[in-house]
Amino acid sequence: MTADARDLMVTAQEVARLRDAQQLEVRDVALAALVLHVRRSAEQVEGSGSAEVSLSPEMLPMADEVREIMTSGEGDLRNSELVELARSEGSELSEYLGPVWRATKGY
C-alpha cells in the first residue's frame, strides 16, 4: 500500500467513525478522498509563495436555502446555523454531521 493510499484509508476510518459506523463503506472513502484533496490543494497554494495566488475561491451562486440563511436573521451568521441547515436537508451525508453539530453547540 502506498503512503497516499494509507493516508486515505486512515482518513476514511476517521470519517466512518464520525457517523458511528459499524464498517467502513465506499462513501467514507469518497468523503475522505475529498477531504484530503482539499487539504493538499490548500497546502500547495500556501507553499507556492506566489503573490498572485489567492486562497479565496471564486464565489459560486448559492441555492435559495443557503442565500436565505446568509441574509436572514440578526447579528453574525454562526457555524452552528450552517451545520443545522446541512443537517436539515436529510442527505446521505447528514449523519456525518451529528458530532459536528454537537461540537458547535457545545455538547
PDB file of N, CA and C in Angstrom:
ATOM      1  N   MET A   1       0.850  -1.172   0.000  1.00  0.00           N
ATOM      2  CA  MET A   1       0.000   0.000   0.000  1.00  0.00           C
ATOM      3  C   MET A   1       0.896   1.236   0.000  1.00  0.00           C
ATOM      4  N   THR A   2       0.603   2.157  -0.875  1.00  0.00           N
ATOM      5  CA  THR A   2       1.402   3.382  -0.946  1.00  0.00           C
ATOM      6  C   THR A   2       1.075   4.276   0.256  1.00  0.00           C
ATOM      7  N   ALA A   3       1.924   5.256   0.478  1.00  0.00           N
ATOM      8  CA  ALA A   3       1.698   6.195   1.584  1.00  0.00           C
ATOM      9  C   ALA A   3       0.402   6.974   1.368  1.00  0.00           C
ATOM     10  N   ASP A   4       0.128   7.362   0.114  1.00  0.00           N
ATOM     11  CA  ASP A   4      -1.114   8.084  -0.178  1.00  0.00           C
ATOM     12  C   ASP A   4      -2.345   7.225   0.110  1.00  0.00           C
ATOM     13  N   ALA A   5      -2.272   5.968  -0.279  1.00  0.00           N
ATOM     14  CA  ALA A   5      -3.395   5.062  -0.026  1.00  0.00           C
ATOM     15  C   ALA A   5      -3.584   4.838   1.472  1.00  0.00           C
ATOM     16  N   ARG A   6      -2.495   4.750   2.189  1.00  0.00           N
ATOM     17  CA  ARG A   6      -2.568   4.585   3.644  1.00  0.00           C
ATOM     18  C   ARG A   6      -3.207   5.817   4.292  1.00  0.00           C
ATOM     19  N   ASP A   7      -2.801   7.007   3.860  1.00  0.00           N
ATOM     20  CA  ASP A   7      -3.412   8.242   4.366  1.00  0.00           C
ATOM     21  C   ASP A   7      -4.912   8.260   4.087  1.00  0.00           C
ATOM     22  N   LEU A   8      -5.287   7.843   2.899  1.00  0.00           N
ATOM     23  CA  LEU A   8      -6.693   7.817   2.532  1.00  0.00           C
ATOM     24  C   LEU A   8      -7.474   6.842   3.408  1.00  0.00           C
ATOM     25  N   MET A   9      -6.925   5.666   3.636  1.00  0.00           N
ATOM     26  CA  MET A   9      -7.631   4.682   4.453  1.00  0.00           C
ATOM     27  C   MET A   9      -7.724   5.110   5.919  1.00  0.00           C
ATOM     28  N   VAL A  10      -6.689   5.730   6.441  1.00  0.00           N
ATOM     29  CA  VAL A  10      -6.735   6.227   7.821  1.00  0.00           C
ATOM     30  C   VAL A  10      -7.789   7.318   7.943  1.00  0.00           C
ATOM     31  N   THR A  11      -7.819   8.223   6.983  1.00  0.00           N
ATOM     32  CA  THR A  11      -8.813   9.299   6.996  1.00  0.00           C
ATOM     33  C   THR A  11     -10.212   8.722   6.816  1.00  0.00           C
ATOM     34  N   ALA A  12     -10.370   7.739   5.954  1.00  0.00           N
ATOM     35  CA  ALA A  12     -11.673   7.109   5.746  1.00  0.00           C
ATOM     36  C   ALA A  12     -12.171   6.441   7.028  1.00  0.00           C
ATOM     37  N   GLN A  13     -11.270   5.842   7.787  1.00  0.00           N
ATOM     38  CA  GLN A  13     -11.659   5.241   9.076  1.00  0.00           C
ATOM     39  C   GLN A  13     -12.196   6.315  10.015  1.00  0.00           C
ATOM     40  N   GLU A  14     -11.538   7.454  10.053  1.00  0.00           N
ATOM     41  CA  GLU A  14     -11.993   8.552  10.915  1.00  0.00           C
ATOM     42  C   GLU A  14     -13.335   9.093  10.438  1.00  0.00           C
ATOM     43  N   VAL A  15     -13.507   9.193   9.135  1.00  0.00           N
ATOM     44  CA  VAL A  15     -14.775   9.653   8.576  1.00  0.00           C
ATOM     45  C   VAL A  15     -15.893   8.685   8.966  1.00  0.00           C
ATOM     46  N   ALA A  16     -15.642   7.394   8.867  1.00  0.00           N
ATOM     47  CA  ALA A  16     -16.658   6.398   9.245  1.00  0.00           C
ATOM     48  C   ALA A  16     -16.986   6.490  10.732  1.00  0.00           C
ATOM     49  N   ARG A  17     -16.000   6.736  11.545  1.00  0.00           N
ATOM     50  CA  ARG A  17     -16.237   6.871  12.988  1.00  0.00           C
ATOM     51  C   ARG A  17     -17.135   8.070  13.305  1.00  0.00           C
ATOM     52  N   LEU A  18     -17.071   9.116  12.479  1.00  0.00           N
ATOM     53  CA  LEU A  18     -17.921  10.285  12.694  1.00  0.00           C
ATOM     54  C   LEU A  18     -19.400   9.925  12.686  1.00  0.00           C
ATOM     55  N   ARG A  19     -19.759   8.944  11.894  1.00  0.00           N
ATOM     56  CA  ARG A  19     -21.171   8.554  11.820  1.00  0.00           C
ATOM     57  C   ARG A  19     -21.448   7.294  12.630  1.00  0.00           C
ATOM     58  N   ASP A  20     -20.534   6.958  13.537  1.00  0.00           N
ATOM     59  CA  ASP A  20     -20.689   5.777  14.402  1.00  0.00           C
ATOM     60  C   ASP A  20     -20.919   4.513  13.587  1.00  0.00           C
ATOM     61  N   ALA A  21     -20.155   4.376  12.512  1.00  0.00           N
ATOM     62  CA  ALA A  21     -20.327   3.255  11.595  1.00  0.00           C
ATOM     63  C   ALA A  21     -19.843   1.941  12.210  1.00  0.00           C
ATOM     64  N   GLN A  22     -20.466   0.866  11.775  1.00  0.00           N
ATOM     65  CA  GLN A  22     -20.039  -0.476  12.149  1.00  0.00           C
ATOM     66  C   GLN A  22     -19.012  -1.019  11.166  1.00  0.00           C
ATOM     67  N   GLN A  23     -18.970  -0.417   9.982  1.00  0.00           N
ATOM     68  CA  GLN A  23     -17.998  -0.823   8.972  1.00  0.00           C
ATOM     69  C   GLN A  23     -17.655   0.356   8.075  1.00  0.00           C
ATOM     70  N   LEU A  24     -16.512   0.273   7.461  1.00  0.00           N
ATOM     71  CA  LEU A  24     -16.072   1.283   6.504  1.00  0.00           C
ATOM     72  C   LEU A  24     -16.804   1.050   5.194  1.00  0.00           C
ATOM     73  N   GLU A  25     -17.389   2.108   4.652  1.00  0.00           N
ATOM     74  CA  GLU A  25     -18.135   1.996   3.405  1.00  0.00           C
ATOM     75  C   GLU A  25     -17.481   2.846   2.324  1.00  0.00           C
ATOM     76  N   VAL A  26     -17.893   2.619   1.087  1.00  0.00           N
ATOM     77  CA  VAL A  26     -17.341   3.349  -0.046  1.00  0.00           C
ATOM     78  C   VAL A  26     -17.549   4.848   0.127  1.00  0.00           C
ATOM     79  N   ARG A  27     -18.696   5.264   0.658  1.00  0.00           N
ATOM     80  CA  ARG A  27     -18.947   6.699   0.845  1.00  0.00           C
ATOM     81  C   ARG A  27     -17.959   7.322   1.818  1.00  0.00           C
ATOM     82  N   ASP A  28     -17.459   6.540   2.784  1.00  0.00           N
ATOM     83  CA  ASP A  28     -16.454   7.043   3.714  1.00  0.00           C
ATOM     84  C   ASP A  28     -15.144   7.304   2.980  1.00  0.00           C
ATOM     85  N   VAL A  29     -14.799   6.407   2.079  1.00  0.00           N
ATOM     86  CA  VAL A  29     -13.590   6.573   1.284  1.00  0.00           C
ATOM     87  C   VAL A  29     -13.735   7.791   0.369  1.00  0.00           C
ATOM     88  N   ALA A  30     -14.909   7.952  -0.221  1.00  0.00           N
ATOM     89  CA  ALA A  30     -15.139   9.096  -1.115  1.00  0.00           C
ATOM     90  C   ALA A  30     -15.015  10.416  -0.364  1.00  0.00           C
ATOM     91  N   LEU A  31     -15.634  10.506   0.801  1.00  0.00           N
ATOM     92  CA  LEU A  31     -15.564  11.739   1.581  1.00  0.00           C
ATOM     93  C   LEU A  31     -14.142  11.994   2.067  1.00  0.00           C
ATOM     94  N   ALA A  32     -13.439  10.950   2.462  1.00  0.00           N
ATOM     95  CA  ALA A  32     -12.046  11.093   2.892  1.00  0.00           C
ATOM     96  C   ALA A  32     -11.170  11.567   1.741  1.00  0.00           C
ATOM     97  N   ALA A  33     -11.404  11.049   0.546  1.00  0.00           N
ATOM     98  CA  ALA A  33     -10.630  11.478  -0.616  1.00  0.00           C
ATOM     99  C   ALA A  33     -10.845  12.958  -0.888  1.00  0.00           C
ATOM    100  N   LEU A  34     -12.067  13.414  -0.735  1.00  0.00           N
ATOM    101  CA  LEU A  34     -12.365  14.834  -0.930  1.00  0.00           C
ATOM    102  C   LEU A  34     -11.672  15.688   0.128  1.00  0.00           C
ATOM    103  N   VAL A  35     -11.729  15.260   1.378  1.00  0.00           N
ATOM    104  CA  VAL A  35     -11.072  15.994   2.469  1.00  0.00           C
ATOM    105  C   VAL A  35      -9.577  16.109   2.205  1.00  0.00           C
ATOM    106  N   LEU A  36      -8.960  14.995   1.853  1.00  0.00           N
ATOM    107  CA  LEU A  36      -7.514  15.011   1.590  1.00  0.00           C
ATOM    108  C   LEU A  36      -7.176  15.870   0.379  1.00  0.00           C
ATOM    109  N   HIS A  37      -8.001  15.817  -0.640  1.00  0.00           N
ATOM    110  CA  HIS A  37      -7.760  16.630  -1.837  1.00  0.00           C
ATOM    111  C   HIS A  37      -7.795  18.120  -1.498  1.00  0.00           C
ATOM    112  N   VAL A  38      -8.808  18.533  -0.744  1.00  0.00           N
ATOM    113  CA  VAL A  38      -8.929  19.943  -0.373  1.00  0.00           C
ATOM    114  C   VAL A  38      -7.752  20.352   0.501  1.00  0.00           C
ATOM    115  N   ARG A  39      -7.387  19.525   1.448  1.00  0.00           N
ATOM    116  CA  ARG A  39      -6.261  19.847   2.335  1.00  0.00           C
ATOM    117  C   ARG A  39      -4.951  19.954   1.557  1.00  0.00           C
ATOM    118  N   ARG A  40      -4.719  19.033   0.647  1.00  0.00           N
ATOM    119  CA  ARG A  40      -3.476  19.072  -0.144  1.00  0.00           C
ATOM    120  C   ARG A  40      -3.456  20.264  -1.092  1.00  0.00           C
ATOM    121  N   SER A  41      -4.605  20.583  -1.662  1.00  0.00           N
ATOM    122  CA  SER A  41      -4.675  21.752  -2.542  1.00  0.00           C
ATOM    123  C   SER A  41      -4.346  23.018  -1.773  1.00  0.00           C
ATOM    124  N   ALA A  42      -4.867  23.145  -0.562  1.00  0.00           N
ATOM    125  CA  ALA A  42      -4.586  24.321   0.264  1.00  0.00           C
ATOM    126  C   ALA A  42      -3.109  24.380   0.628  1.00  0.00           C
ATOM    127  N   GLU A  43      -2.514  23.240   0.933  1.00  0.00           N
ATOM    128  CA  GLU A  43      -1.083  23.200   1.264  1.00  0.00           C
ATOM    129  C   GLU A  43      -0.235  23.603   0.068  1.00  0.00           C
ATOM    130  N   GLN A  44      -0.634  23.182  -1.137  1.00  0.00           N
ATOM    131  CA  GLN A  44       0.119  23.541  -2.333  1.00  0.00           C
ATOM    132  C   GLN A  44       0.033  25.034  -2.604  1.00  0.00           C
ATOM    133  N   VAL A  45      -1.137  25.606  -2.408  1.00  0.00           N
ATOM    134  CA  VAL A  45      -1.306  27.042  -2.626  1.00  0.00           C
ATOM    135  C   VAL A  45      -0.482  27.818  -1.614  1.00  0.00           C
ATOM    136  N   GLU A  46      -0.531  27.411  -0.342  1.00  0.00           N
ATOM    137  CA  GLU A  46       0.218  28.099   0.698  1.00  0.00           C
ATOM    138  C   GLU A  46       1.722  27.971   0.480  1.00  0.00           C
ATOM    139  N   GLY A  47       2.163  26.838  -0.057  1.00  0.00           N
ATOM    140  CA  GLY A  47       3.579  26.602  -0.264  1.00  0.00           C
ATOM    141  C   GLY A  47       4.128  27.171  -1.549  1.00  0.00           C
ATOM    142  N   SER A  48       3.261  27.699  -2.405  1.00  0.00           N
ATOM    143  CA  SER A  48       3.732  28.178  -3.704  1.00  0.00           C
ATOM    144  C   SER A  48       4.495  29.492  -3.605  1.00  0.00           C
ATOM    145  N   GLY A  49       4.177  30.303  -2.596  1.00  0.00           N
ATOM    146  CA  GLY A  49       4.895  31.550  -2.403  1.00  0.00           C
ATOM    147  C   GLY A  49       4.587  32.623  -3.423  1.00  0.00           C
ATOM    148  N   SER A  50       3.678  32.357  -4.317  1.00  0.00           N
ATOM    149  CA  SER A  50       3.339  33.334  -5.349  1.00  0.00           C
ATOM    150  C   SER A  50       2.411  34.397  -4.782  1.00  0.00           C
ATOM    151  N   ALA A  51       2.717  35.637  -5.065  1.00  0.00           N
ATOM    152  CA  ALA A  51       1.877  36.735  -4.604  1.00  0.00           C
ATOM    153  C   ALA A  51       0.565  36.786  -5.379  1.00  0.00           C
ATOM    154  N   GLU A  52       0.518  36.152  -6.548  1.00  0.00           N
ATOM    155  CA  GLU A  52      -0.679  36.187  -7.371  1.00  0.00           C
ATOM    156  C   GLU A  52      -1.707  35.136  -6.976  1.00  0.00           C
ATOM    157  N   VAL A  53      -1.321  34.132  -6.197  1.00  0.00           N
ATOM    158  CA  VAL A  53      -2.219  33.059  -5.819  1.00  0.00           C
ATOM    159  C   VAL A  53      -3.114  33.523  -4.684  1.00  0.00           C
ATOM    160  N   SER A  54      -4.400  33.297  -4.838  1.00  0.00           N
ATOM    161  CA  SER A  54      -5.366  33.681  -3.806  1.00  0.00           C
ATOM    162  C   SER A  54      -5.927  32.432  -3.148  1.00  0.00           C
ATOM    163  N   LEU A  55      -6.071  32.473  -1.831  1.00  0.00           N
ATOM    164  CA  LEU A  55      -6.696  31.367  -1.110  1.00  0.00           C
ATOM    165  C   LEU A  55      -8.215  31.461  -1.162  1.00  0.00           C
ATOM    166  N   SER A  56      -8.736  32.563  -1.651  1.00  0.00           N
ATOM    167  CA  SER A  56     -10.174  32.749  -1.734  1.00  0.00           C
ATOM    168  C   SER A  56     -10.677  32.254  -3.083  1.00  0.00           C
ATOM    169  N   PRO A  57     -11.521  31.215  -3.063  1.00  0.00           N
ATOM    170  CA  PRO A  57     -12.042  30.716  -4.339  1.00  0.00           C
ATOM    171  C   PRO A  57     -13.087  31.665  -4.900  1.00  0.00           C
ATOM    172  N   GLU A  58     -13.297  31.558  -6.196  1.00  0.00           N
ATOM    173  CA  GLU A  58     -14.352  32.346  -6.827  1.00  0.00           C
ATOM    174  C   GLU A  58     -15.687  31.928  -6.217  1.00  0.00           C
ATOM    175  N   MET A  59     -16.531  32.897  -5.934  1.00  0.00           N
ATOM    176  CA  MET A  59     -17.820  32.603  -5.314  1.00  0.00           C
ATOM    177  C   MET A  59     -18.744  31.910  -6.314  1.00  0.00           C
ATOM    178  N   LEU A  60     -19.397  30.861  -5.857  1.00  0.00           N
ATOM    179  CA  LEU A  60     -20.392  30.162  -6.660  1.00  0.00           C
ATOM    180  C   LEU A  60     -21.768  30.744  -6.364  1.00  0.00           C
ATOM    181  N   PRO A  61     -22.691  30.645  -7.308  1.00  0.00           N
ATOM    182  CA  PRO A  61     -24.065  31.040  -6.992  1.00  0.00           C
ATOM    183  C   PRO A  61     -24.587  30.161  -5.859  1.00  0.00           C
ATOM    184  N   MET A  62     -25.462  30.705  -5.026  1.00  0.00           N
ATOM    185  CA  MET A  62     -25.976  29.971  -3.873  1.00  0.00           C
ATOM    186  C   MET A  62     -27.404  29.516  -4.113  1.00  0.00           C
ATOM    187  N   ALA A  63     -27.712  28.322  -3.625  1.00  0.00           N
ATOM    188  CA  ALA A  63     -29.088  27.832  -3.650  1.00  0.00           C
ATOM    189  C   ALA A  63     -29.932  28.736  -2.761  1.00  0.00           C
ATOM    190  N   ASP A  64     -31.215  28.732  -2.999  1.00  0.00           N
ATOM    191  CA  ASP A  64     -32.117  29.610  -2.253  1.00  0.00           C
ATOM    192  C   ASP A  64     -31.992  29.423  -0.745  1.00  0.00           C
ATOM    193  N   GLU A  65     -31.887  28.172  -0.283  1.00  0.00           N
ATOM    194  CA  GLU A  65     -31.810  27.899   1.151  1.00  0.00           C
ATOM    195  C   GLU A  65     -30.549  28.510   1.757  1.00  0.00           C
ATOM    196  N   VAL A  66     -29.449  28.427   1.041  1.00  0.00           N
ATOM    197  CA  VAL A  66     -28.193  28.975   1.531  1.00  0.00           C
ATOM    198  C   VAL A  66     -28.243  30.500   1.514  1.00  0.00           C
ATOM    199  N   ARG A  67     -28.751  31.057   0.442  1.00  0.00           N
ATOM    200  CA  ARG A  67     -28.862  32.516   0.345  1.00  0.00           C
ATOM    201  C   ARG A  67     -29.750  33.055   1.464  1.00  0.00           C
ATOM    202  N   GLU A  68     -30.835  32.347   1.748  1.00  0.00           N
ATOM    203  CA  GLU A  68     -31.763  32.794   2.788  1.00  0.00           C
ATOM    204  C   GLU A  68     -31.091  32.835   4.152  1.00  0.00           C
ATOM    205  N   ILE A  69     -30.347  31.806   4.499  1.00  0.00           N
ATOM    206  CA  ILE A  69     -29.697  31.796   5.816  1.00  0.00           C
ATOM    207  C   ILE A  69     -28.580  32.833   5.884  1.00  0.00           C
ATOM    208  N   MET A  70     -27.982  33.144   4.743  1.00  0.00           N
ATOM    209  CA  MET A  70     -26.914  34.149   4.709  1.00  0.00           C
ATOM    210  C   MET A  70     -27.470  35.556   4.924  1.00  0.00           C
ATOM    211  N   THR A  71     -28.708  35.786   4.496  1.00  0.00           N
ATOM    212  CA  THR A  71     -29.253  37.143   4.540  1.00  0.00           C
ATOM    213  C   THR A  71     -30.299  37.347   5.621  1.00  0.00           C
ATOM    214  N   SER A  72     -30.818  36.274   6.192  1.00  0.00           N
ATOM    215  CA  SER A  72     -31.853  36.433   7.220  1.00  0.00           C
ATOM    216  C   SER A  72     -31.218  36.448   8.603  1.00  0.00           C
ATOM    217  N   GLY A  73     -31.991  36.768   9.578  1.00  0.00           N
ATOM    218  CA  GLY A  73     -31.516  36.773  10.951  1.00  0.00           C
ATOM    219  C   GLY A  73     -30.797  38.051  11.305  1.00  0.00           C
ATOM    220  N   GLU A  74     -30.525  38.158  12.569  1.00  0.00           N
ATOM    221  CA  GLU A  74     -29.840  39.349  13.068  1.00  0.00           C
ATOM    222  C   GLU A  74     -28.484  38.945  13.623  1.00  0.00           C
ATOM    223  N   GLY A  75     -27.530  39.809  13.506  1.00  0.00           N
ATOM    224  CA  GLY A  75     -26.198  39.517  14.009  1.00  0.00           C
ATOM    225  C   GLY A  75     -25.406  38.654  13.057  1.00  0.00           C
ATOM    226  N   ASP A  76     -24.308  38.145  13.541  1.00  0.00           N
ATOM    227  CA  ASP A  76     -23.405  37.343  12.726  1.00  0.00           C
ATOM    228  C   ASP A  76     -23.964  35.939  12.489  1.00  0.00           C
ATOM    229  N   LEU A  77     -23.754  35.430  11.290  1.00  0.00           N
ATOM    230  CA  LEU A  77     -24.104  34.056  10.975  1.00  0.00           C
ATOM    231  C   LEU A  77     -23.125  33.141  11.698  1.00  0.00           C
ATOM    232  N   ARG A  78     -23.638  32.152  12.372  1.00  0.00           N
ATOM    233  CA  ARG A  78     -22.797  31.243  13.148  1.00  0.00           C
ATOM    234  C   ARG A  78     -22.617  29.919  12.414  1.00  0.00           C
ATOM    235  N   ASN A  79     -21.488  29.293  12.689  1.00  0.00           N
ATOM    236  CA  ASN A  79     -21.173  27.990  12.131  1.00  0.00           C
ATOM    237  C   ASN A  79     -22.300  26.998  12.428  1.00  0.00           C
ATOM    238  N   SER A  80     -22.820  27.016  13.642  1.00  0.00           N
ATOM    239  CA  SER A  80     -23.867  26.069  14.038  1.00  0.00           C
ATOM    240  C   SER A  80     -25.119  26.221  13.172  1.00  0.00           C
ATOM    241  N   GLU A  81     -25.416  27.434  12.722  1.00  0.00           N
ATOM    242  CA  GLU A  81     -26.581  27.649  11.866  1.00  0.00           C
ATOM    243  C   GLU A  81     -26.386  26.992  10.498  1.00  0.00           C
ATOM    244  N   LEU A  82     -25.181  27.077   9.979  1.00  0.00           N
ATOM    245  CA  LEU A  82     -24.890  26.437   8.689  1.00  0.00           C
ATOM    246  C   LEU A  82     -24.905  24.917   8.814  1.00  0.00           C
ATOM    247  N   VAL A  83     -24.370  24.406   9.915  1.00  0.00           N
ATOM    248  CA  VAL A  83     -24.379  22.950  10.141  1.00  0.00           C
ATOM    249  C   VAL A  83     -25.822  22.466  10.290  1.00  0.00           C
ATOM    250  N   GLU A  84     -26.642  23.221  11.009  1.00  0.00           N
ATOM    251  CA  GLU A  84     -28.054  22.857  11.174  1.00  0.00           C
ATOM    252  C   GLU A  84     -28.763  22.845   9.822  1.00  0.00           C
ATOM    253  N   LEU A  85     -28.465  23.800   8.965  1.00  0.00           N
ATOM    254  CA  LEU A  85     -29.035  23.814   7.622  1.00  0.00           C
ATOM    255  C   LEU A  85     -28.638  22.542   6.868  1.00  0.00           C
ATOM    256  N   ALA A  86     -27.381  22.189   6.939  1.00  0.00           N
ATOM    257  CA  ALA A  86     -26.903  20.983   6.248  1.00  0.00           C
ATOM    258  C   ALA A  86     -27.585  19.728   6.797  1.00  0.00           C
ATOM    259  N   ARG A  87     -27.763  19.675   8.107  1.00  0.00           N
ATOM    260  CA  ARG A  87     -28.436  18.522   8.722  1.00  0.00           C
ATOM    261  C   ARG A  87     -29.899  18.451   8.310  1.00  0.00           C
ATOM    262  N   SER A  88     -30.541  19.589   8.151  1.00  0.00           N
ATOM    263  CA  SER A  88     -31.970  19.608   7.848  1.00  0.00           C
ATOM    264  C   SER A  88     -32.280  19.107   6.446  1.00  0.00           C
ATOM    265  N   GLU A  89     -31.296  19.133   5.576  1.00  0.00           N
ATOM    266  CA  GLU A  89     -31.515  18.677   4.206  1.00  0.00           C
ATOM    267  C   GLU A  89     -31.730  17.167   4.139  1.00  0.00           C
ATOM    268  N   GLY A  90     -31.309  16.429   5.164  1.00  0.00           N
ATOM    269  CA  GLY A  90     -31.556  14.999   5.213  1.00  0.00           C
ATOM    270  C   GLY A  90     -30.817  14.193   4.168  1.00  0.00           C
ATOM    271  N   SER A  91     -29.709  14.693   3.692  1.00  0.00           N
ATOM    272  CA  SER A  91     -28.948  13.957   2.687  1.00  0.00           C
ATOM    273  C   SER A  91     -28.257  12.765   3.325  1.00  0.00           C
ATOM    274  N   GLU A  92     -27.717  11.917   2.502  1.00  0.00           N
ATOM    275  CA  GLU A  92     -26.983  10.752   2.988  1.00  0.00           C
ATOM    276  C   GLU A  92     -25.811  11.180   3.864  1.00  0.00           C
ATOM    277  N   LEU A  93     -25.261  12.343   3.608  1.00  0.00           N
ATOM    278  CA  LEU A  93     -24.112  12.817   4.374  1.00  0.00           C
ATOM    279  C   LEU A  93     -24.503  13.453   5.698  1.00  0.00           C
ATOM    280  N   SER A  94     -25.789  13.678   5.933  1.00  0.00           N
ATOM    281  CA  SER A  94     -26.197  14.359   7.157  1.00  0.00           C
ATOM    282  C   SER A  94     -25.835  13.579   8.411  1.00  0.00           C
ATOM    283  N   GLU A  95     -25.717  12.259   8.314  1.00  0.00           N
ATOM    284  CA  GLU A  95     -25.358  11.502   9.509  1.00  0.00           C
ATOM    285  C   GLU A  95     -23.919  11.777   9.958  1.00  0.00           C
ATOM    286  N   TYR A  96     -23.095  12.297   9.092  1.00  0.00           N
ATOM    287  CA  TYR A  96     -21.747  12.694   9.482  1.00  0.00           C
ATOM    288  C   TYR A  96     -21.761  13.945  10.359  1.00  0.00           C
ATOM    289  N   LEU A  97     -22.839  14.695  10.285  1.00  0.00           N
ATOM    290  CA  LEU A  97     -22.866  15.998  10.929  1.00  0.00           C
ATOM    291  C   LEU A  97     -23.293  15.973  12.391  1.00  0.00           C
ATOM    292  N   GLY A  98     -23.733  14.839  12.901  1.00  0.00           N
ATOM    293  CA  GLY A  98     -24.114  14.751  14.312  1.00  0.00           C
ATOM    294  C   GLY A  98     -23.010  15.209  15.249  1.00  0.00           C
ATOM    295  N   PRO A  99     -21.812  14.634  15.145  1.00  0.00           N
ATOM    296  CA  PRO A  99     -20.716  15.076  16.028  1.00  0.00           C
ATOM    297  C   PRO A  99     -20.316  16.525  15.789  1.00  0.00           C
ATOM    298  N   VAL A 100     -20.380  16.965  14.540  1.00  0.00           N
ATOM    299  CA  VAL A 100     -20.039  18.358  14.228  1.00  0.00           C
ATOM    300  C   VAL A 100     -21.060  19.284  14.878  1.00  0.00           C
ATOM    301  N   TRP A 101     -22.336  18.932  14.755  1.00  0.00           N
ATOM    302  CA  TRP A 101     -23.407  19.743  15.334  1.00  0.00           C
ATOM    303  C   TRP A 101     -23.268  19.813  16.858  1.00  0.00           C
ATOM    304  N   ARG A 102     -23.018  18.660  17.487  1.00  0.00           N
ATOM    305  CA  ARG A 102     -22.841  18.651  18.946  1.00  0.00           C
ATOM    306  C   ARG A 102     -21.656  19.511  19.366  1.00  0.00           C
ATOM    307  N   ALA A 103     -20.586  19.465  18.601  1.00  0.00           N
ATOM    308  CA  ALA A 103     -19.400  20.266  18.933  1.00  0.00           C
ATOM    309  C   ALA A 103     -19.683  21.764  18.788  1.00  0.00           C
ATOM    310  N   THR A 104     -20.437  22.143  17.772  1.00  0.00           N
ATOM    311  CA  THR A 104     -20.733  23.564  17.583  1.00  0.00           C
ATOM    312  C   THR A 104     -21.714  24.063  18.637  1.00  0.00           C
ATOM    313  N   LYS A 105     -22.533  23.165  19.172  1.00  0.00           N
ATOM    314  CA  LYS A 105     -23.489  23.534  20.212  1.00  0.00           C
ATOM    315  C   LYS A 105     -22.863  23.469  21.609  1.00  0.00           C
ATOM    316  N   GLY A 106     -21.672  22.853  21.705  1.00  0.00           N
ATOM    317  CA  GLY A 106     -21.002  22.746  22.993  1.00  0.00           C
ATOM    318  C   GLY A 106     -21.467  21.572  23.843  1.00  0.00           C
ATOM    319  N   TYR A 107     -21.999  20.532  23.194  1.00  0.00           N
ATOM    320  CA  TYR A 107     -22.445  19.347  23.938  1.00  0.00           C
ATOM    321  C   TYR A 107     -21.320  18.373  24.107  1.00  0.00           C
TER     322      TYR A 107
END
